[in-house]
């Protein structure tokens, strides 16, 4: 923490009380990719079996 006059400025980790490892971004990215692949496979195999 540093003070500039009356204002206190905190680092990000100090203000949150923890670190941010960005794991949520990885979970969201992998989940989105898995949903796209799964829905595409359902659509493709469904269209293939219709004929």
PDB file of N, CA and C in Angstrom:
ATOM      1  N   UNK A   1       0.844  -1.160   0.000  1.00  0.00           N
ATOM      2  CA  UNK A   1       0.000   0.000   0.000  1.00  0.00           C
ATOM      3  C   UNK A   1       0.891   1.224   0.000  1.00  0.00           C
ATOM      4  N   UNK A   2       0.509   2.195  -0.800  1.00  0.00           N
ATOM      5  CA  UNK A   2       1.220   3.473  -0.770  1.00  0.00           C
ATOM      6  C   UNK A   2       0.198   4.585  -0.642  1.00  0.00           C
ATOM      7  N   UNK A   3       0.607   5.634  -0.042  1.00  0.00           N
ATOM      8  CA  UNK A   3      -0.298   6.769   0.161  1.00  0.00           C
ATOM      9  C   UNK A   3       0.168   7.939  -0.680  1.00  0.00           C
ATOM     10  N   UNK A   4      -0.775   8.563  -1.334  1.00  0.00           N
ATOM     11  CA  UNK A   4      -0.517   9.792  -2.064  1.00  0.00           C
ATOM     12  C   UNK A   4      -1.465  10.839  -1.500  1.00  0.00           C
ATOM     13  N   UNK A   5      -0.963  11.617  -0.588  1.00  0.00           N
ATOM     14  CA  UNK A   5      -1.818  12.598   0.083  1.00  0.00           C
ATOM     15  C   UNK A   5      -2.816  11.881   0.968  1.00  0.00           C
ATOM     16  N   UNK A   6      -4.073  12.116   0.752  1.00  0.00           N
ATOM     17  CA  UNK A   6      -5.144  11.472   1.532  1.00  0.00           C
ATOM     18  C   UNK A   6      -5.559  10.119   0.954  1.00  0.00           C
ATOM     19  N   UNK A   7      -5.117   9.795  -0.263  1.00  0.00           N
ATOM     20  CA  UNK A   7      -5.554   8.578  -0.941  1.00  0.00           C
ATOM     21  C   UNK A   7      -4.628   7.404  -0.641  1.00  0.00           C
ATOM     22  N   UNK A   8      -5.226   6.233  -0.454  1.00  0.00           N
ATOM     23  CA  UNK A   8      -4.464   4.997  -0.289  1.00  0.00           C
ATOM     24  C   UNK A   8      -4.584   4.196  -1.572  1.00  0.00           C
ATOM     25  N   UNK A   9      -3.450   3.753  -2.104  1.00  0.00           N
ATOM     26  CA  UNK A   9      -3.425   2.949  -3.335  1.00  0.00           C
ATOM     27  C   UNK A   9      -2.931   1.548  -2.984  1.00  0.00           C
ATOM     28  N   UNK A  10      -3.732   0.537  -3.365  1.00  0.00           N
ATOM     29  CA  UNK A  10      -3.431  -0.855  -3.063  1.00  0.00           C
ATOM     30  C   UNK A  10      -3.081  -1.602  -4.337  1.00  0.00           C
ATOM     31  N   UNK A  11      -2.211  -2.597  -4.209  1.00  0.00           N
ATOM     32  CA  UNK A  11      -1.949  -3.512  -5.311  1.00  0.00           C
ATOM     33  C   UNK A  11      -3.173  -4.414  -5.473  1.00  0.00           C
ATOM     34  N   UNK A  12      -3.326  -5.033  -6.630  1.00  0.00           N
ATOM     35  CA  UNK A  12      -4.501  -5.862  -6.906  1.00  0.00           C
ATOM     36  C   UNK A  12      -4.638  -7.001  -5.908  1.00  0.00           C
ATOM     37  N   UNK A  13      -3.554  -7.724  -5.639  1.00  0.00           N
ATOM     38  CA  UNK A  13      -3.621  -8.848  -4.708  1.00  0.00           C
ATOM     39  C   UNK A  13      -3.942  -8.394  -3.290  1.00  0.00           C
ATOM     40  N   UNK A  14      -3.458  -7.238  -2.912  1.00  0.00           N
ATOM     41  CA  UNK A  14      -3.773  -6.704  -1.583  1.00  0.00           C
ATOM     42  C   UNK A  14      -5.255  -6.372  -1.463  1.00  0.00           C
ATOM     43  N   UNK A  15      -5.805  -5.777  -2.486  1.00  0.00           N
ATOM     44  CA  UNK A  15      -7.211  -5.371  -2.440  1.00  0.00           C
ATOM     45  C   UNK A  15      -8.135  -6.588  -2.437  1.00  0.00           C
ATOM     46  N   UNK A  16      -7.786  -7.633  -3.173  1.00  0.00           N
ATOM     47  CA  UNK A  16      -8.620  -8.828  -3.238  1.00  0.00           C
ATOM     48  C   UNK A  16      -8.417  -9.738  -2.037  1.00  0.00           C
ATOM     49  N   UNK A  17      -7.253  -9.716  -1.482  1.00  0.00           N
ATOM     50  CA  UNK A  17      -6.943 -10.626  -0.392  1.00  0.00           C
ATOM     51  C   UNK A  17      -6.467 -11.975  -0.882  1.00  0.00           C
ATOM     52  N   UNK A  18      -6.267 -12.112  -2.199  1.00  0.00           N
ATOM     53  CA  UNK A  18      -5.819 -13.385  -2.768  1.00  0.00           C
ATOM     54  C   UNK A  18      -5.225 -13.126  -4.145  1.00  0.00           C
ATOM     55  N   UNK A  19      -4.668 -14.173  -4.716  1.00  0.00           N
ATOM     56  CA  UNK A  19      -4.135 -14.059  -6.074  1.00  0.00           C
ATOM     57  C   UNK A  19      -5.217 -14.466  -7.069  1.00  0.00           C
ATOM     58  N   UNK A  20      -4.992 -14.158  -8.325  1.00  0.00           N
ATOM     59  CA  UNK A  20      -5.951 -14.542  -9.369  1.00  0.00           C
ATOM     60  C   UNK A  20      -5.221 -15.369 -10.423  1.00  0.00           C
ATOM     61  N   UNK A  21      -5.348 -16.703 -10.347  1.00  0.00           N
ATOM     62  CA  UNK A  21      -4.589 -17.565 -11.259  1.00  0.00           C
ATOM     63  C   UNK A  21      -5.215 -17.717 -12.641  1.00  0.00           C
ATOM     64  N   UNK A  22      -6.308 -17.059 -12.944  1.00  0.00           N
ATOM     65  CA  UNK A  22      -6.977 -17.111 -14.249  1.00  0.00           C
ATOM     66  C   UNK A  22      -7.522 -18.494 -14.586  1.00  0.00           C
ATOM     67  N   UNK A  23      -7.802 -19.317 -13.593  1.00  0.00           N
ATOM     68  CA  UNK A  23      -8.329 -20.657 -13.855  1.00  0.00           C
ATOM     69  C   UNK A  23      -9.726 -20.584 -14.437  1.00  0.00           C
ATOM     70  N   UNK A  24     -10.483 -19.548 -14.086  1.00  0.00           N
ATOM     71  CA  UNK A  24     -11.851 -19.418 -14.585  1.00  0.00           C
ATOM     72  C   UNK A  24     -11.849 -19.257 -16.099  1.00  0.00           C
ATOM     73  N   UNK A  25     -10.891 -18.525 -16.623  1.00  0.00           N
ATOM     74  CA  UNK A  25     -10.800 -18.350 -18.071  1.00  0.00           C
ATOM     75  C   UNK A  25     -10.567 -19.675 -18.779  1.00  0.00           C
ATOM     76  N   UNK A  26      -9.709 -20.525 -18.201  1.00  0.00           N
ATOM     77  CA  UNK A  26      -9.431 -21.825 -18.803  1.00  0.00           C
ATOM     78  C   UNK A  26     -10.667 -22.718 -18.755  1.00  0.00           C
ATOM     79  N   UNK A  27     -11.372 -22.713 -17.634  1.00  0.00           N
ATOM     80  CA  UNK A  27     -12.581 -23.531 -17.502  1.00  0.00           C
ATOM     81  C   UNK A  27     -13.631 -23.090 -18.509  1.00  0.00           C
ATOM     82  N   UNK A  28     -13.828 -21.779 -18.650  1.00  0.00           N
ATOM     83  CA  UNK A  28     -14.806 -21.272 -19.606  1.00  0.00           C
ATOM     84  C   UNK A  28     -14.411 -21.601 -21.048  1.00  0.00           C
ATOM     85  N   UNK A  29     -13.140 -21.455 -21.374  1.00  0.00           N
ATOM     86  CA  UNK A  29     -12.676 -21.738 -22.728  1.00  0.00           C
ATOM     87  C   UNK A  29     -12.839 -23.213 -23.070  1.00  0.00           C
ATOM     88  N   UNK A  30     -12.458 -24.089 -22.170  1.00  0.00           N
ATOM     89  CA  UNK A  30     -12.565 -25.530 -22.415  1.00  0.00           C
ATOM     90  C   UNK A  30     -14.031 -25.950 -22.496  1.00  0.00           C
ATOM     91  N   UNK A  31     -14.872 -25.384 -21.625  1.00  0.00           N
ATOM     92  CA  UNK A  31     -16.298 -25.714 -21.653  1.00  0.00           C
ATOM     93  C   UNK A  31     -16.947 -25.247 -22.951  1.00  0.00           C
ATOM     94  N   UNK A  32     -16.594 -24.054 -23.407  1.00  0.00           N
ATOM     95  CA  UNK A  32     -17.141 -23.541 -24.660  1.00  0.00           C
ATOM     96  C   UNK A  32     -16.720 -24.423 -25.836  1.00  0.00           C
ATOM     97  N   UNK A  33     -15.460 -24.784 -25.877  1.00  0.00           N
ATOM     98  CA  UNK A  33     -14.968 -25.652 -26.945  1.00  0.00           C
ATOM     99  C   UNK A  33     -15.660 -27.020 -26.908  1.00  0.00           C
ATOM    100  N   UNK A  34     -15.820 -27.584 -25.723  1.00  0.00           N
ATOM    101  CA  UNK A  34     -16.486 -28.881 -25.592  1.00  0.00           C
ATOM    102  C   UNK A  34     -17.942 -28.793 -26.036  1.00  0.00           C
ATOM    103  N   UNK A  35     -18.636 -27.717 -25.693  1.00  0.00           N
ATOM    104  CA  UNK A  35     -20.033 -27.555 -26.107  1.00  0.00           C
ATOM    105  C   UNK A  35     -20.143 -27.428 -27.621  1.00  0.00           C
ATOM    106  N   UNK A  36     -19.251 -26.672 -28.236  1.00  0.00           N
ATOM    107  CA  UNK A  36     -19.271 -26.515 -29.695  1.00  0.00           C
ATOM    108  C   UNK A  36     -19.024 -27.852 -30.384  1.00  0.00           C
ATOM    109  N   UNK A  37     -18.035 -28.595 -29.925  1.00  0.00           N
ATOM    110  CA  UNK A  37     -17.712 -29.892 -30.532  1.00  0.00           C
ATOM    111  C   UNK A  37     -18.869 -30.874 -30.352  1.00  0.00           C
ATOM    112  N   UNK A  38     -19.437 -30.942 -29.156  1.00  0.00           N
ATOM    113  CA  UNK A  38     -20.519 -31.876 -28.882  1.00  0.00           C
ATOM    114  C   UNK A  38     -21.763 -31.541 -29.701  1.00  0.00           C
ATOM    115  N   UNK A  39     -22.160 -30.288 -29.728  1.00  0.00           N
ATOM    116  CA  UNK A  39     -23.347 -29.905 -30.495  1.00  0.00           C
ATOM    117  C   UNK A  39     -23.127 -30.091 -31.995  1.00  0.00           C
ATOM    118  N   UNK A  40     -21.928 -29.823 -32.474  1.00  0.00           N
ATOM    119  CA  UNK A  40     -21.628 -30.050 -33.886  1.00  0.00           C
ATOM    120  C   UNK A  40     -21.698 -31.531 -34.222  1.00  0.00           C
ATOM    121  N   UNK A  41     -21.179 -32.370 -33.351  1.00  0.00           N
ATOM    122  CA  UNK A  41     -21.211 -33.818 -33.585  1.00  0.00           C
ATOM    123  C   UNK A  41     -22.652 -34.316 -33.601  1.00  0.00           C
ATOM    124  N   UNK A  42     -23.486 -33.841 -32.690  1.00  0.00           N
ATOM    125  CA  UNK A  42     -24.896 -34.249 -32.667  1.00  0.00           C
ATOM    126  C   UNK A  42     -25.579 -33.831 -33.959  1.00  0.00           C
ATOM    127  N   UNK A  43     -25.315 -32.625 -34.402  1.00  0.00           N
ATOM    128  CA  UNK A  43     -25.942 -32.104 -35.618  1.00  0.00           C
ATOM    129  C   UNK A  43     -25.464 -32.874 -36.850  1.00  0.00           C
ATOM    130  N   UNK A  44     -24.169 -33.115 -36.945  1.00  0.00           N
ATOM    131  CA  UNK A  44     -23.609 -33.804 -38.114  1.00  0.00           C
ATOM    132  C   UNK A  44     -24.094 -35.251 -38.176  1.00  0.00           C
ATOM    133  N   UNK A  45     -24.038 -35.990 -37.051  1.00  0.00           N
ATOM    134  CA  UNK A  45     -24.473 -37.387 -37.054  1.00  0.00           C
ATOM    135  C   UNK A  45     -25.981 -37.492 -37.247  1.00  0.00           C
ATOM    136  N   UNK A  46     -26.722 -36.532 -36.716  1.00  0.00           N
ATOM    137  CA  UNK A  46     -28.169 -36.527 -36.931  1.00  0.00           C
ATOM    138  C   UNK A  46     -28.525 -36.322 -38.382  1.00  0.00           C
ATOM    139  N   UNK A  47     -27.839 -35.408 -39.044  1.00  0.00           N
ATOM    140  CA  UNK A  47     -28.094 -35.152 -40.462  1.00  0.00           C
ATOM    141  C   UNK A  47     -27.644 -36.341 -41.309  1.00  0.00           C
ATOM    142  N   UNK A  48     -26.574 -36.999 -40.905  1.00  0.00           N
ATOM    143  CA  UNK A  48     -26.069 -38.157 -41.661  1.00  0.00           C
ATOM    144  C   UNK A  48     -27.031 -39.333 -41.568  1.00  0.00           C
ATOM    145  N   UNK A  49     -27.604 -39.552 -40.394  1.00  0.00           N
ATOM    146  CA  UNK A  49     -28.507 -40.693 -40.195  1.00  0.00           C
ATOM    147  C   UNK A  49     -29.895 -40.453 -40.743  1.00  0.00           C
ATOM    148  N   UNK A  50     -30.250 -39.222 -41.073  1.00  0.00           N
ATOM    149  CA  UNK A  50     -31.576 -38.924 -41.583  1.00  0.00           C
ATOM    150  C   UNK A  50     -31.766 -39.489 -42.991  1.00  0.00           C
ATOM    151  N   UNK A  51     -30.732 -39.487 -43.790  1.00  0.00           N
ATOM    152  CA  UNK A  51     -30.849 -39.949 -45.177  1.00  0.00           C
ATOM    153  C   UNK A  51     -30.841 -41.430 -45.290  1.00  0.00           C
TER     154      UNK A  51
END
